[in-house]
Amino acid sequence: MYAPGCENPPRRITTRNSIVEPGERFAIFGDFGERRRDEVLALMGDRDEYYSIRRVLSFYSWTPRRIEWVVPGDVAPGDYALGIVNRLPGRPGTRPVFEHGSNIIRLRIRR
């Protein structure tokens, strides 16, 4: 996936797939290290193993072993993927570009 010495080595989420509800405070566990400025937590849609970012998430805390965030209240129920992504530098006036920065977990949002 990444060559040794890559500028953005992948993070590892160890939390298993989860079922959550809007407004719920949720923590994921893994090997995150210190957060870099280009790293964000993303909720992604899953279509035939192709993941598209639906929303960049805000989080309460990021420690080397735990990231805590609140499930947004306005996200439609359904199946999603959750992972860390790296925001790549882009040209002014263009949409942001991201690359996978971790493995992903499945996340089901229900009401």
Protein backbone atom coordinates (compact mmCIF):
# COMPACT_ATOMS: atom_id res chain seq x y z
CA MET A 1 0.00 0.00 0.00
CA TYR A 2 2.77 2.45 0.95
CA ALA A 3 6.50 2.27 0.30
CA PRO A 4 8.83 2.25 3.31
CA GLY A 5 9.60 5.75 4.47
CA CYS A 6 6.42 7.18 2.95
CA GLU A 7 5.70 10.75 3.96
CA ASN A 8 2.24 9.73 5.24
CA PRO A 9 2.52 6.25 6.77
CA PRO A 10 -0.89 4.59 7.30
CA ARG A 11 -2.59 4.65 10.69
CA ARG A 12 -4.28 1.53 12.05
CA ILE A 13 -7.82 1.49 13.45
CA THR A 14 -8.39 -1.54 15.70
CA THR A 15 -12.03 -0.84 16.60
CA ARG A 16 -14.38 -3.35 15.01
CA ASN A 17 -17.34 -2.47 12.81
CA SER A 18 -19.97 -0.59 14.81
CA ILE A 19 -23.60 0.50 14.95
CA VAL A 20 -24.13 4.08 16.11
CA GLU A 21 -26.91 6.66 16.38
CA PRO A 22 -26.89 10.38 15.57
CA GLY A 23 -25.70 12.46 18.51
CA GLU A 24 -23.85 9.52 20.06
CA ARG A 25 -20.34 10.17 21.35
CA PHE A 26 -18.17 7.45 19.85
CA ALA A 27 -14.51 6.52 20.25
CA ILE A 28 -12.31 4.53 17.93
CA PHE A 29 -9.10 2.89 19.08
CA GLY A 30 -5.90 2.11 17.25
CA ASP A 31 -2.36 3.20 16.54
CA PHE A 32 -2.75 6.85 15.57
CA GLY A 33 0.34 8.58 16.86
CA GLU A 34 0.24 12.34 17.18
CA ARG A 35 -2.16 14.02 14.78
CA ARG A 36 -0.64 15.78 11.82
CA ARG A 37 -2.31 18.91 10.42
CA ASP A 38 -3.19 17.17 7.14
CA GLU A 39 -5.07 14.30 8.83
CA VAL A 40 -8.85 14.27 9.20
CA LEU A 41 -11.47 11.72 10.18
CA ALA A 42 -13.89 11.00 7.32
CA LEU A 43 -17.27 9.38 6.90
CA MET A 44 -17.34 7.69 3.50
CA GLY A 45 -19.93 6.13 1.26
CA ASP A 46 -19.19 2.65 -0.03
CA ARG A 47 -20.03 1.67 -3.61
CA ASP A 48 -18.47 -1.55 -4.88
CA GLU A 49 -15.30 -1.07 -2.81
CA TYR A 50 -14.92 2.52 -4.05
CA TYR A 51 -15.07 4.99 -1.17
CA SER A 52 -16.13 8.58 -1.56
CA ILE A 53 -15.96 11.08 1.26
CA ARG A 54 -19.40 12.13 2.44
CA ARG A 55 -18.24 14.28 5.33
CA VAL A 56 -15.11 15.36 7.14
CA LEU A 57 -15.86 14.87 10.83
CA SER A 58 -15.07 17.04 13.82
CA PHE A 59 -13.62 15.27 16.81
CA TYR A 60 -13.32 15.99 20.54
CA SER A 61 -9.94 14.46 21.09
CA TRP A 62 -7.11 12.73 19.26
CA THR A 63 -4.55 10.81 21.27
CA PRO A 64 -2.02 8.23 20.06
CA ARG A 65 -4.48 5.40 20.94
CA ARG A 66 -7.99 6.96 20.80
CA ILE A 67 -10.04 9.36 18.69
CA GLU A 68 -13.38 10.54 20.07
CA TRP A 69 -16.10 12.19 17.98
CA VAL A 70 -19.87 12.74 17.88
CA VAL A 71 -22.01 11.17 15.16
CA PRO A 72 -23.57 14.10 13.23
CA GLY A 73 -27.32 14.44 13.74
CA ASP A 74 -28.07 15.25 10.11
CA VAL A 75 -26.51 12.16 8.48
CA ALA A 76 -29.01 9.81 6.84
CA PRO A 77 -29.27 6.32 8.32
CA GLY A 78 -27.36 3.68 6.40
CA ASP A 79 -24.06 1.91 5.94
CA TYR A 80 -20.84 3.91 5.77
CA ALA A 81 -17.11 3.51 6.09
CA LEU A 82 -14.99 5.45 8.59
CA GLY A 83 -11.30 6.17 8.27
CA ILE A 84 -8.50 8.66 8.53
CA VAL A 85 -7.61 10.48 5.35
CA ASN A 86 -4.80 12.87 4.45
CA ARG A 87 -5.72 16.19 2.84
CA LEU A 88 -3.30 16.73 -0.04
CA PRO A 89 -2.15 20.20 -1.03
CA GLY A 90 -4.11 21.54 -3.98
CA ARG A 91 -4.43 24.63 -6.04
CA PRO A 92 -6.45 27.57 -4.69
CA GLY A 93 -10.08 27.47 -5.80
CA THR A 94 -10.16 23.69 -6.36
CA ARG A 95 -11.88 21.02 -4.30
CA PRO A 96 -9.72 19.27 -1.70
CA VAL A 97 -8.06 15.99 -2.64
CA PHE A 98 -7.63 13.21 -0.08
CA GLU A 99 -5.71 9.94 0.16
CA HIS A 100 -6.43 7.04 2.51
CA GLY A 101 -4.47 7.44 5.71
CA SER A 102 -5.68 4.31 7.52
CA ASN A 103 -7.61 1.11 7.16
CA ILE A 104 -11.37 1.60 7.36
CA ILE A 105 -14.10 0.19 9.52
CA ARG A 106 -17.74 -0.27 8.61
CA LEU A 107 -20.18 1.94 10.40
CA ARG A 108 -23.97 1.63 10.40
CA ILE A 109 -25.89 4.72 11.40
CA ARG A 110 -29.42 4.06 12.61
CA ARG A 111 -32.16 6.18 14.10
